[in-house]
N, C-alpha and C. Protein backbone atom coordinates (compact mmCIF):
# COMPACT_ATOMS: atom_id res chain seq x y z
N MET A 1 108.17 125.21 59.18
CA MET A 1 109.00 125.57 60.20
C MET A 1 109.14 127.06 60.36
N ALA A 2 108.97 127.61 61.60
CA ALA A 2 108.97 129.00 61.90
C ALA A 2 110.39 129.56 61.58
N ILE A 3 110.56 130.62 60.83
CA ILE A 3 111.88 131.22 60.65
C ILE A 3 112.05 132.50 61.44
N LEU A 4 110.89 133.06 61.89
CA LEU A 4 110.85 134.37 62.53
C LEU A 4 109.47 134.56 63.21
N ALA A 5 109.57 135.08 64.55
CA ALA A 5 108.34 135.26 65.21
C ALA A 5 108.52 136.47 66.12
N VAL A 6 107.42 137.22 66.20
CA VAL A 6 107.35 138.37 67.18
C VAL A 6 106.30 137.94 68.12
N ARG A 7 106.55 138.33 69.44
CA ARG A 7 105.67 138.12 70.42
C ARG A 7 105.38 139.38 71.41
N ASP A 8 104.17 139.70 71.45
CA ASP A 8 103.87 140.87 72.34
C ASP A 8 104.56 142.09 72.03
N LEU A 9 104.73 142.35 70.67
CA LEU A 9 105.51 143.48 70.30
C LEU A 9 104.81 144.79 70.58
N CYS A 10 105.50 145.76 71.16
CA CYS A 10 104.87 147.15 71.37
C CYS A 10 105.86 148.16 70.89
N LYS A 11 105.28 149.22 70.29
CA LYS A 11 106.09 150.27 69.66
C LYS A 11 105.26 151.52 69.76
N THR A 12 105.68 152.50 70.42
CA THR A 12 105.00 153.79 70.48
C THR A 12 105.96 155.02 70.12
N TYR A 13 105.28 155.91 69.34
CA TYR A 13 105.87 157.13 68.90
C TYR A 13 105.22 158.27 69.65
N ALA A 14 105.70 159.45 69.53
CA ALA A 14 105.15 160.50 70.49
C ALA A 14 103.78 160.70 70.17
N SER A 15 103.37 160.63 68.86
CA SER A 15 102.05 161.06 68.45
C SER A 15 100.97 159.94 68.68
N HIS A 16 101.34 158.65 68.52
CA HIS A 16 100.41 157.53 68.72
C HIS A 16 101.13 156.16 68.85
N ASP A 17 100.33 155.17 69.24
CA ASP A 17 100.83 153.79 69.37
C ASP A 17 100.79 153.01 68.10
N LEU A 18 101.95 152.55 67.70
CA LEU A 18 101.88 151.67 66.51
C LEU A 18 101.41 150.34 66.72
N PHE A 19 102.10 149.50 67.66
CA PHE A 19 101.85 148.25 68.00
C PHE A 19 101.47 147.99 69.51
N ASP A 20 100.54 147.30 69.84
CA ASP A 20 100.28 146.99 71.17
C ASP A 20 100.10 145.42 71.34
N ARG A 21 101.21 144.81 71.71
CA ARG A 21 101.27 143.38 71.96
C ARG A 21 100.89 142.61 70.80
N LEU A 22 101.63 143.00 69.62
CA LEU A 22 101.58 142.31 68.29
C LEU A 22 102.31 140.98 68.30
N SER A 23 101.66 139.98 67.76
CA SER A 23 102.22 138.72 67.79
C SER A 23 102.10 138.15 66.33
N LEU A 24 103.18 137.73 65.71
CA LEU A 24 103.10 137.16 64.31
C LEU A 24 104.18 136.13 64.25
N THR A 25 103.95 135.21 63.28
CA THR A 25 104.87 134.05 62.96
C THR A 25 105.03 134.03 61.43
N PHE A 26 106.27 133.92 60.89
CA PHE A 26 106.67 133.80 59.61
C PHE A 26 107.39 132.44 59.42
N HIS A 27 106.96 131.71 58.32
CA HIS A 27 107.52 130.37 58.19
C HIS A 27 108.48 130.26 56.89
N THR A 28 109.32 129.20 57.06
CA THR A 28 110.34 128.91 55.94
C THR A 28 109.49 128.76 54.62
N GLY A 29 109.95 129.47 53.59
CA GLY A 29 109.35 129.50 52.34
C GLY A 29 108.18 130.46 52.18
N GLY A 30 107.81 131.03 53.13
CA GLY A 30 106.62 132.03 53.08
C GLY A 30 106.84 133.20 52.26
N ARG A 31 105.82 133.49 51.49
CA ARG A 31 105.94 134.78 50.48
C ARG A 31 104.83 135.72 50.98
N VAL A 32 105.22 136.70 51.78
CA VAL A 32 104.28 137.36 52.54
C VAL A 32 104.21 138.88 52.12
N GLY A 33 102.99 139.40 51.89
CA GLY A 33 102.86 140.79 51.55
C GLY A 33 102.26 141.50 52.71
N LEU A 34 102.85 142.65 52.99
CA LEU A 34 102.55 143.38 54.27
C LEU A 34 101.87 144.62 53.87
N ILE A 35 100.56 144.80 54.17
CA ILE A 35 99.90 146.00 53.80
C ILE A 35 99.25 146.71 54.95
N GLY A 36 98.65 147.92 54.75
CA GLY A 36 98.00 148.58 55.77
C GLY A 36 98.05 150.06 55.40
N PRO A 37 97.17 150.79 56.17
CA PRO A 37 96.99 152.29 55.92
C PRO A 37 98.40 152.98 56.15
N ASN A 38 98.55 154.17 55.63
CA ASN A 38 99.76 154.95 55.88
C ASN A 38 99.87 155.28 57.30
N GLY A 39 101.01 155.08 57.86
CA GLY A 39 101.22 155.38 59.29
C GLY A 39 100.95 154.11 60.19
N ALA A 40 100.47 153.00 59.58
CA ALA A 40 100.11 151.84 60.47
C ALA A 40 101.48 151.09 60.95
N GLY A 41 102.59 151.34 60.42
CA GLY A 41 103.86 150.81 61.02
C GLY A 41 104.45 149.81 60.17
N LYS A 42 104.21 149.69 58.86
CA LYS A 42 104.80 148.61 58.03
C LYS A 42 106.24 148.67 57.97
N THR A 43 106.81 149.90 57.70
CA THR A 43 108.21 150.06 57.58
C THR A 43 108.88 149.80 58.96
N THR A 44 108.06 150.38 59.99
CA THR A 44 108.78 150.18 61.37
C THR A 44 108.87 148.70 61.67
N LEU A 45 107.78 147.95 61.32
CA LEU A 45 107.82 146.57 61.58
C LEU A 45 108.98 145.82 60.95
N LEU A 46 109.08 146.15 59.73
CA LEU A 46 110.30 145.54 58.85
C LEU A 46 111.65 145.92 59.53
N ARG A 47 111.79 147.09 60.02
CA ARG A 47 113.02 147.43 60.62
C ARG A 47 113.17 146.77 61.94
N ILE A 48 112.17 146.51 62.57
CA ILE A 48 112.33 145.82 63.91
C ILE A 48 112.61 144.24 63.56
N LEU A 49 111.97 143.68 62.58
CA LEU A 49 112.29 142.33 62.16
C LEU A 49 113.76 142.22 61.75
N ALA A 50 114.28 143.32 61.05
CA ALA A 50 115.60 143.29 60.58
C ALA A 50 116.53 143.39 61.57
N GLY A 51 116.19 143.89 62.83
CA GLY A 51 117.19 144.37 63.81
C GLY A 51 117.73 145.76 63.81
N VAL A 52 117.11 146.48 62.83
CA VAL A 52 117.74 147.80 62.59
C VAL A 52 117.10 148.82 63.62
N GLU A 53 115.97 148.59 64.18
CA GLU A 53 115.14 149.42 65.00
C GLU A 53 114.65 148.55 66.26
N PRO A 54 114.86 148.96 67.43
CA PRO A 54 114.28 148.32 68.58
C PRO A 54 112.79 148.41 68.84
N ALA A 55 112.21 147.46 69.38
CA ALA A 55 110.83 147.59 69.87
C ALA A 55 110.92 148.26 71.38
N ASP A 56 109.79 148.80 71.76
CA ASP A 56 109.74 149.16 73.17
C ASP A 56 109.66 147.95 74.07
N SER A 57 108.98 147.02 73.57
CA SER A 57 108.96 145.74 74.47
C SER A 57 108.47 144.54 73.55
N GLY A 58 108.65 143.40 74.06
CA GLY A 58 108.24 142.15 73.27
C GLY A 58 109.56 141.52 72.78
N SER A 59 109.35 140.45 72.04
CA SER A 59 110.60 139.73 71.51
C SER A 59 110.55 139.49 70.16
N VAL A 60 111.63 139.29 69.47
CA VAL A 60 111.71 138.84 68.08
C VAL A 60 112.61 137.75 68.12
N ASP A 61 112.05 136.57 67.71
CA ASP A 61 112.93 135.27 67.76
C ASP A 61 113.07 134.88 66.45
N ARG A 62 114.47 134.53 66.06
CA ARG A 62 114.82 134.10 64.80
C ARG A 62 115.33 132.70 64.87
N ALA A 63 114.94 131.90 63.78
CA ALA A 63 115.54 130.57 63.78
C ALA A 63 116.93 130.58 63.85
N LYS A 64 117.54 129.57 64.57
CA LYS A 64 119.00 129.55 64.81
C LYS A 64 119.85 129.43 63.51
N GLU A 65 120.77 130.33 63.49
CA GLU A 65 121.66 130.45 62.23
C GLU A 65 120.94 131.11 60.97
N ALA A 66 119.67 131.59 61.16
CA ALA A 66 118.93 132.05 59.99
C ALA A 66 119.62 133.37 59.53
N HIS A 67 119.86 133.60 58.28
CA HIS A 67 120.48 134.78 57.78
C HIS A 67 119.32 135.76 57.24
N ILE A 68 119.06 136.89 57.82
CA ILE A 68 117.95 137.71 57.37
C ILE A 68 118.54 139.01 56.76
N ALA A 69 118.13 139.23 55.53
CA ALA A 69 118.54 140.41 54.75
C ALA A 69 117.47 141.46 54.65
N TYR A 70 117.85 142.73 54.60
CA TYR A 70 116.93 143.81 54.63
C TYR A 70 117.06 144.91 53.50
N LEU A 71 116.10 145.11 52.72
CA LEU A 71 116.06 146.13 51.58
C LEU A 71 115.32 147.23 52.08
N PRO A 72 115.94 148.46 52.48
CA PRO A 72 115.09 149.60 52.80
C PRO A 72 114.50 150.31 51.65
N GLN A 73 113.71 151.39 51.84
CA GLN A 73 113.04 152.06 50.82
C GLN A 73 114.17 152.84 50.07
N ILE A 74 115.11 153.47 50.69
CA ILE A 74 116.01 154.42 50.13
C ILE A 74 117.37 153.63 49.98
N ASP A 75 117.85 153.64 48.70
CA ASP A 75 119.07 153.00 48.37
C ASP A 75 120.20 153.93 48.60
N VAL A 76 121.17 153.46 49.38
CA VAL A 76 122.34 154.24 49.80
C VAL A 76 123.67 153.40 49.48
N PHE A 77 124.52 153.97 48.54
CA PHE A 77 125.70 153.40 48.28
C PHE A 77 126.94 154.39 48.47
N PRO A 78 128.14 153.88 48.75
CA PRO A 78 129.32 154.78 48.90
C PRO A 78 129.52 155.41 47.49
N SER A 79 129.96 156.60 47.59
CA SER A 79 130.34 157.25 46.36
C SER A 79 131.47 156.67 45.68
N GLU A 80 131.35 156.65 44.23
CA GLU A 80 132.40 156.17 43.36
C GLU A 80 132.58 154.63 43.50
N LEU A 81 131.69 154.02 43.98
CA LEU A 81 131.74 152.45 44.12
C LEU A 81 131.22 151.91 42.71
N THR A 82 131.79 150.82 42.29
CA THR A 82 131.35 150.16 41.03
C THR A 82 130.21 149.12 41.33
N VAL A 83 129.58 148.76 40.33
CA VAL A 83 128.31 147.77 40.47
C VAL A 83 128.99 146.60 41.16
N GLU A 84 129.92 146.01 40.61
CA GLU A 84 130.55 144.62 41.12
C GLU A 84 131.08 144.96 42.55
N GLY A 85 131.67 146.11 42.79
CA GLY A 85 132.11 146.50 44.08
C GLY A 85 131.03 146.48 45.19
N ALA A 86 129.97 146.97 44.72
CA ALA A 86 128.80 146.92 45.64
C ALA A 86 128.30 145.56 46.03
N LEU A 87 128.39 144.63 45.00
CA LEU A 87 127.98 143.23 45.37
C LEU A 87 128.97 142.56 46.29
N LEU A 88 130.27 142.80 46.02
CA LEU A 88 131.38 142.26 46.85
C LEU A 88 131.23 142.75 48.23
N SER A 89 130.95 144.13 48.43
CA SER A 89 130.74 144.64 49.73
C SER A 89 129.66 143.98 50.38
N ALA A 90 128.63 143.77 49.77
CA ALA A 90 127.43 143.03 50.37
C ALA A 90 127.69 141.72 50.86
N LEU A 91 128.78 141.12 50.31
CA LEU A 91 129.12 139.73 50.86
C LEU A 91 130.04 139.78 52.06
N ASP A 92 130.40 140.97 52.57
CA ASP A 92 131.24 141.06 53.68
C ASP A 92 130.65 140.61 54.93
N VAL A 93 129.27 140.49 54.97
CA VAL A 93 128.58 140.01 56.23
C VAL A 93 128.56 138.50 56.35
N LEU A 94 129.00 137.89 55.21
CA LEU A 94 129.09 136.48 55.29
C LEU A 94 130.46 135.76 55.48
N PRO A 95 130.42 134.66 56.20
CA PRO A 95 131.75 133.95 56.34
C PRO A 95 132.06 133.16 55.19
N MET A 96 132.79 133.79 54.26
CA MET A 96 133.13 133.15 52.90
C MET A 96 134.53 133.22 52.72
N GLU A 97 135.05 132.23 51.88
CA GLU A 97 136.39 132.30 51.40
C GLU A 97 136.53 133.45 50.36
N ASP A 98 137.73 133.92 50.27
CA ASP A 98 138.00 135.10 49.42
C ASP A 98 137.70 134.67 47.98
N TYR A 99 137.97 133.53 47.62
CA TYR A 99 137.96 133.08 46.18
C TYR A 99 136.49 132.94 45.67
N GLU A 100 135.53 132.76 46.72
CA GLU A 100 134.19 132.51 46.40
C GLU A 100 133.39 133.79 46.01
N ARG A 101 133.84 134.84 46.59
CA ARG A 101 133.20 136.15 46.53
C ARG A 101 133.03 136.69 45.03
N PRO A 102 134.14 136.72 44.23
CA PRO A 102 133.90 137.21 42.86
C PRO A 102 133.06 136.34 42.07
N THR A 103 133.04 134.99 42.36
CA THR A 103 132.31 134.07 41.46
C THR A 103 130.81 134.38 41.82
N ARG A 104 130.49 134.54 43.01
CA ARG A 104 129.04 134.73 43.42
C ARG A 104 128.55 136.14 42.93
N ALA A 105 129.49 137.15 43.05
CA ALA A 105 129.16 138.48 42.56
C ALA A 105 128.90 138.57 41.05
N ARG A 106 129.80 137.89 40.27
CA ARG A 106 129.63 137.97 38.81
C ARG A 106 128.39 137.19 38.39
N LYS A 107 128.01 136.05 39.09
CA LYS A 107 126.80 135.33 38.86
C LYS A 107 125.56 136.17 39.01
N MET A 108 125.69 136.96 40.13
CA MET A 108 124.54 137.85 40.33
C MET A 108 124.33 139.01 39.28
N LEU A 109 125.54 139.56 38.78
CA LEU A 109 125.61 140.62 37.80
C LEU A 109 124.80 140.16 36.53
N ARG A 110 125.03 138.83 36.23
CA ARG A 110 124.25 138.40 35.01
C ARG A 110 122.81 138.15 35.34
N ARG A 111 122.54 137.68 36.54
CA ARG A 111 121.05 137.58 36.88
C ARG A 111 120.35 139.03 36.98
N LEU A 112 121.10 140.01 37.32
CA LEU A 112 120.62 141.35 37.44
C LEU A 112 120.40 142.05 36.03
N GLY A 113 121.20 141.50 35.08
CA GLY A 113 121.09 142.07 33.69
C GLY A 113 122.18 143.10 33.43
N PHE A 114 123.22 143.25 34.33
CA PHE A 114 124.31 144.10 34.12
C PHE A 114 125.38 143.57 33.12
N GLU A 115 125.67 144.36 32.11
CA GLU A 115 126.73 143.82 31.17
C GLU A 115 128.14 144.11 31.55
N ASP A 116 128.30 145.20 32.43
CA ASP A 116 129.58 145.61 32.80
C ASP A 116 129.63 145.88 34.37
N GLY A 117 130.30 145.04 35.15
CA GLY A 117 130.40 145.22 36.61
C GLY A 117 131.31 146.46 36.93
N GLY A 118 131.99 146.83 36.01
CA GLY A 118 132.93 148.02 36.37
C GLY A 118 132.49 149.41 36.30
N ILE A 119 131.16 149.48 35.90
CA ILE A 119 130.58 150.89 35.82
C ILE A 119 130.28 151.49 37.19
N SER A 120 130.43 152.85 37.27
CA SER A 120 130.09 153.45 38.56
C SER A 120 128.65 153.52 38.90
N ILE A 121 128.21 153.27 40.13
CA ILE A 121 126.91 153.40 40.48
C ILE A 121 126.41 154.87 40.35
N ASP A 122 127.31 155.82 40.42
CA ASP A 122 126.93 157.20 40.27
C ASP A 122 126.21 157.58 39.06
N ILE A 123 126.38 156.72 37.97
CA ILE A 123 125.81 157.06 36.69
C ILE A 123 124.59 156.26 36.37
N LEU A 124 124.26 155.33 37.25
CA LEU A 124 123.04 154.60 37.10
C LEU A 124 121.75 155.37 37.30
N SER A 125 120.73 154.96 36.55
CA SER A 125 119.42 155.57 36.74
C SER A 125 118.80 155.05 37.97
N GLY A 126 117.74 155.59 38.54
CA GLY A 126 117.07 155.18 39.70
C GLY A 126 116.61 153.74 39.62
N GLY A 127 116.21 153.32 38.40
CA GLY A 127 115.68 151.95 38.28
C GLY A 127 116.84 150.95 38.35
N TRP A 128 118.03 151.23 37.85
CA TRP A 128 119.04 150.29 37.84
C TRP A 128 119.73 150.39 39.28
N ARG A 129 119.72 151.59 39.97
CA ARG A 129 120.19 151.45 41.31
C ARG A 129 119.31 150.70 42.15
N LYS A 130 117.97 150.74 41.99
CA LYS A 130 117.12 149.86 42.64
C LYS A 130 117.35 148.44 42.50
N ARG A 131 117.57 148.12 41.23
CA ARG A 131 117.84 146.68 40.90
C ARG A 131 119.12 146.17 41.60
N LEU A 132 120.11 147.04 41.44
CA LEU A 132 121.43 146.72 42.13
C LEU A 132 121.16 146.52 43.72
N ALA A 133 120.38 147.39 44.40
CA ALA A 133 120.19 147.29 45.72
C ALA A 133 119.44 146.01 46.11
N ILE A 134 118.58 145.60 45.33
CA ILE A 134 117.89 144.25 45.41
C ILE A 134 118.98 143.14 45.27
N GLY A 135 119.78 143.23 44.27
CA GLY A 135 120.83 142.24 44.15
C GLY A 135 121.84 142.16 45.29
N CYS A 136 122.09 143.27 45.84
CA CYS A 136 123.01 143.24 47.04
C CYS A 136 122.55 142.48 48.27
N GLN A 137 121.20 142.38 48.23
CA GLN A 137 120.54 141.52 49.20
C GLN A 137 120.46 139.98 48.70
N LEU A 138 120.09 139.85 47.62
CA LEU A 138 119.90 138.50 46.91
C LEU A 138 121.24 137.76 46.91
N VAL A 139 122.34 138.51 46.61
CA VAL A 139 123.55 137.86 46.56
C VAL A 139 124.09 137.18 47.79
N GLN A 140 123.54 137.65 48.83
CA GLN A 140 123.81 136.99 50.22
C GLN A 140 123.08 135.67 50.39
N GLU A 141 122.11 135.32 49.53
CA GLU A 141 121.34 134.12 49.59
C GLU A 141 120.80 133.87 51.02
N PRO A 142 120.02 134.93 51.45
CA PRO A 142 119.40 134.85 52.80
C PRO A 142 118.36 133.87 52.88
N ASP A 143 118.08 133.47 54.25
CA ASP A 143 117.04 132.53 54.46
C ASP A 143 115.71 133.35 54.53
N LEU A 144 115.70 134.66 54.78
CA LEU A 144 114.53 135.60 54.71
C LEU A 144 114.95 136.83 54.28
N LEU A 145 114.23 137.44 53.27
CA LEU A 145 114.54 138.74 52.79
C LEU A 145 113.40 139.57 53.08
N LEU A 146 113.68 140.72 53.67
CA LEU A 146 112.60 141.79 54.02
C LEU A 146 112.83 142.92 53.04
N MET A 147 111.69 143.29 52.32
CA MET A 147 111.84 144.27 51.32
C MET A 147 110.67 145.39 51.53
N ASP A 148 111.15 146.72 51.60
CA ASP A 148 110.33 147.78 51.90
C ASP A 148 110.21 148.50 50.61
N GLU A 149 108.99 148.42 49.92
CA GLU A 149 108.71 148.94 48.68
C GLU A 149 109.74 148.69 47.56
N PRO A 150 109.96 147.42 47.20
CA PRO A 150 110.96 146.92 46.25
C PRO A 150 110.76 147.50 44.93
N THR A 151 109.49 147.77 44.46
CA THR A 151 109.22 148.23 43.20
C THR A 151 109.41 149.78 42.95
N ASN A 152 109.68 150.49 44.04
CA ASN A 152 109.92 151.97 43.98
C ASN A 152 111.12 152.17 42.98
N HIS A 153 110.89 153.03 42.01
CA HIS A 153 111.93 153.55 41.18
C HIS A 153 112.15 152.55 39.95
N LEU A 154 111.64 151.30 40.15
CA LEU A 154 111.85 150.32 39.03
C LEU A 154 110.93 150.67 37.80
N ASP A 155 111.42 150.56 36.63
CA ASP A 155 110.57 150.69 35.39
C ASP A 155 109.83 149.43 35.22
N LEU A 156 109.03 149.43 34.20
CA LEU A 156 108.21 148.18 33.95
C LEU A 156 109.09 146.99 33.63
N GLU A 157 110.10 147.11 32.92
CA GLU A 157 111.07 146.01 32.72
C GLU A 157 111.70 145.39 34.02
N GLY A 158 111.96 146.48 35.00
CA GLY A 158 112.53 145.94 36.29
C GLY A 158 111.57 145.34 37.08
N ILE A 159 110.32 145.70 37.04
CA ILE A 159 109.20 145.23 37.85
C ILE A 159 109.00 143.69 37.39
N ASP A 160 109.06 143.59 35.95
CA ASP A 160 108.84 142.32 35.38
C ASP A 160 110.04 141.38 35.83
N TRP A 161 111.29 141.89 35.70
CA TRP A 161 112.31 141.01 36.20
C TRP A 161 112.28 140.60 37.64
N LEU A 162 111.81 141.56 38.53
CA LEU A 162 111.65 141.16 40.00
C LEU A 162 110.61 140.12 40.14
N GLU A 163 109.44 140.29 39.37
CA GLU A 163 108.39 139.44 39.56
C GLU A 163 108.71 138.07 39.07
N ARG A 164 109.47 137.90 37.99
CA ARG A 164 109.96 136.53 37.47
C ARG A 164 110.89 135.98 38.50
N PHE A 165 111.84 136.88 38.94
CA PHE A 165 112.80 136.36 39.86
C PHE A 165 112.02 135.73 41.19
N LEU A 166 111.13 136.36 41.71
CA LEU A 166 110.49 136.03 43.04
C LEU A 166 109.64 134.84 42.62
N GLY A 167 109.01 134.80 41.50
CA GLY A 167 108.27 133.55 41.08
C GLY A 167 109.01 132.32 40.98
N ARG A 168 110.24 132.40 40.67
CA ARG A 168 111.14 131.31 40.59
C ARG A 168 111.84 130.73 41.89
N THR A 169 112.13 131.71 42.75
CA THR A 169 113.03 131.52 43.90
C THR A 169 112.18 130.75 44.89
N LYS A 170 112.96 129.98 45.68
CA LYS A 170 112.46 129.29 46.95
C LYS A 170 112.68 130.22 48.18
N LEU A 171 113.15 131.33 48.00
CA LEU A 171 113.56 132.18 49.14
C LEU A 171 112.27 132.69 49.86
N ALA A 172 112.31 132.75 51.14
CA ALA A 172 111.19 133.31 51.92
C ALA A 172 111.45 134.68 52.02
N PHE A 173 110.21 135.57 51.79
CA PHE A 173 110.39 137.03 51.82
C PHE A 173 109.02 137.64 52.50
N ILE A 174 109.23 138.76 52.90
CA ILE A 174 108.26 139.58 53.43
C ILE A 174 108.41 141.12 52.74
N LEU A 175 107.40 141.60 52.08
CA LEU A 175 107.46 142.79 51.36
C LEU A 175 106.33 143.71 51.65
N THR A 176 106.52 145.12 51.59
CA THR A 176 105.57 145.96 51.50
C THR A 176 105.47 146.62 50.13
N THR A 177 104.38 147.01 49.57
CA THR A 177 104.18 147.59 48.31
C THR A 177 102.89 148.20 48.19
N HIS A 178 102.70 149.24 47.31
CA HIS A 178 101.56 149.80 47.12
C HIS A 178 100.90 149.32 45.78
N ASP A 179 101.76 148.45 45.06
CA ASP A 179 101.39 147.96 43.78
C ASP A 179 100.66 146.63 44.02
N ARG A 180 99.33 146.59 44.08
CA ARG A 180 98.52 145.46 44.38
C ARG A 180 98.56 144.44 43.35
N TYR A 181 98.78 144.75 42.06
CA TYR A 181 98.90 143.69 40.96
C TYR A 181 100.19 142.98 41.32
N PHE A 182 101.36 143.54 41.59
CA PHE A 182 102.56 142.89 41.93
C PHE A 182 102.49 142.00 43.15
N LEU A 183 101.66 142.53 44.06
CA LEU A 183 101.48 141.81 45.35
C LEU A 183 100.69 140.50 45.02
N GLU A 184 99.69 140.55 44.22
CA GLU A 184 98.83 139.35 43.94
C GLU A 184 99.72 138.41 43.18
N ARG A 185 100.66 138.83 42.37
CA ARG A 185 101.41 137.94 41.46
C ARG A 185 102.63 137.21 42.21
N VAL A 186 103.09 137.80 43.35
CA VAL A 186 104.28 137.07 43.98
C VAL A 186 104.08 136.62 45.35
N THR A 187 103.00 136.91 46.07
CA THR A 187 102.87 136.53 47.30
C THR A 187 101.75 135.36 47.43
N ASP A 188 101.91 134.65 48.61
CA ASP A 188 100.89 133.67 48.95
C ASP A 188 100.09 133.94 50.34
N ARG A 189 100.47 134.92 50.91
CA ARG A 189 99.89 135.30 52.27
C ARG A 189 99.99 136.85 52.30
N ILE A 190 98.79 137.47 52.71
CA ILE A 190 98.72 138.92 52.98
C ILE A 190 98.40 139.12 54.38
N ILE A 191 99.19 140.04 55.00
CA ILE A 191 98.98 140.43 56.42
C ILE A 191 98.73 141.98 56.35
N GLU A 192 97.52 142.42 56.78
CA GLU A 192 97.16 143.83 56.93
C GLU A 192 97.49 144.28 58.38
N ILE A 193 98.41 145.26 58.45
CA ILE A 193 98.59 145.81 59.91
C ILE A 193 97.58 146.89 60.01
N ASN A 194 96.81 146.81 61.08
CA ASN A 194 95.84 147.84 61.29
C ASN A 194 95.36 147.85 62.82
N PRO A 195 95.46 148.92 63.52
CA PRO A 195 95.04 148.82 64.96
C PRO A 195 93.54 148.57 65.16
N HIS A 196 92.83 148.76 64.08
CA HIS A 196 91.32 148.50 64.26
C HIS A 196 91.01 146.99 64.36
N TYR A 197 91.89 146.22 64.01
CA TYR A 197 91.66 144.67 64.13
C TYR A 197 91.94 144.30 65.68
N ARG A 198 91.26 143.40 66.15
CA ARG A 198 91.51 142.99 67.58
C ARG A 198 92.97 142.78 67.98
N ASP A 199 93.57 141.95 66.94
CA ASP A 199 94.96 141.53 67.29
C ASP A 199 96.03 142.60 66.72
N GLY A 200 95.46 143.48 66.07
CA GLY A 200 96.30 144.49 65.39
C GLY A 200 96.69 144.22 64.00
N PHE A 201 96.17 143.03 63.51
CA PHE A 201 96.44 142.73 62.08
C PHE A 201 95.42 141.71 61.66
N PHE A 202 95.29 141.51 60.31
CA PHE A 202 94.41 140.54 59.75
C PHE A 202 95.34 139.74 58.65
N SER A 203 95.25 138.44 58.82
CA SER A 203 96.05 137.52 57.88
C SER A 203 95.14 136.76 57.02
N VAL A 204 95.36 136.48 55.80
CA VAL A 204 94.85 135.63 54.91
C VAL A 204 95.70 134.99 53.97
N ASN A 205 95.55 133.62 53.71
CA ASN A 205 96.33 133.04 52.85
C ASN A 205 95.84 133.04 51.29
N GLY A 206 96.61 133.18 50.46
CA GLY A 206 96.29 133.34 48.95
C GLY A 206 96.52 134.64 48.44
């Protein structure tokens, strides 16, 4: 079943055209790697899919009531927020009972490997901040997770943790990364965005 589809998507910047009538469909349970040369529009496409940035024209159709979460490249947290506080804040977008929120947040803390949810985000290393940023999206239990360079700033242990997590989950996701080994290990479909292709992309399963 299609969870998200773009039709005739067009996006132009002052210097060049990114997309010209790009059409793509993503399905429930899909594990998609998005690649392409620098400047091809991978980040822009994720932002459009997430509803963060508008396209010039075309449509983005989402499955009814599908919850889509988006992990940008740069992790931004409010100053002086605790780790558990960040997870609780991430749940604000969901219609949940108040008593459910701490339980779900603490469960995610354990899955992320944090021993103390009361520590300040300000003292975390770049790798642990990235792990928390990923957790803030995962705790929402989205139907589709969009991840822009999720391995950035992760150390080898963090990359291994994310690889194992994605290997076990039934969550549908689309990610960009320059780590080809990681890409091969966690995805089952590769889409290359490149204007040199007739349709603006090339897709292969496997």
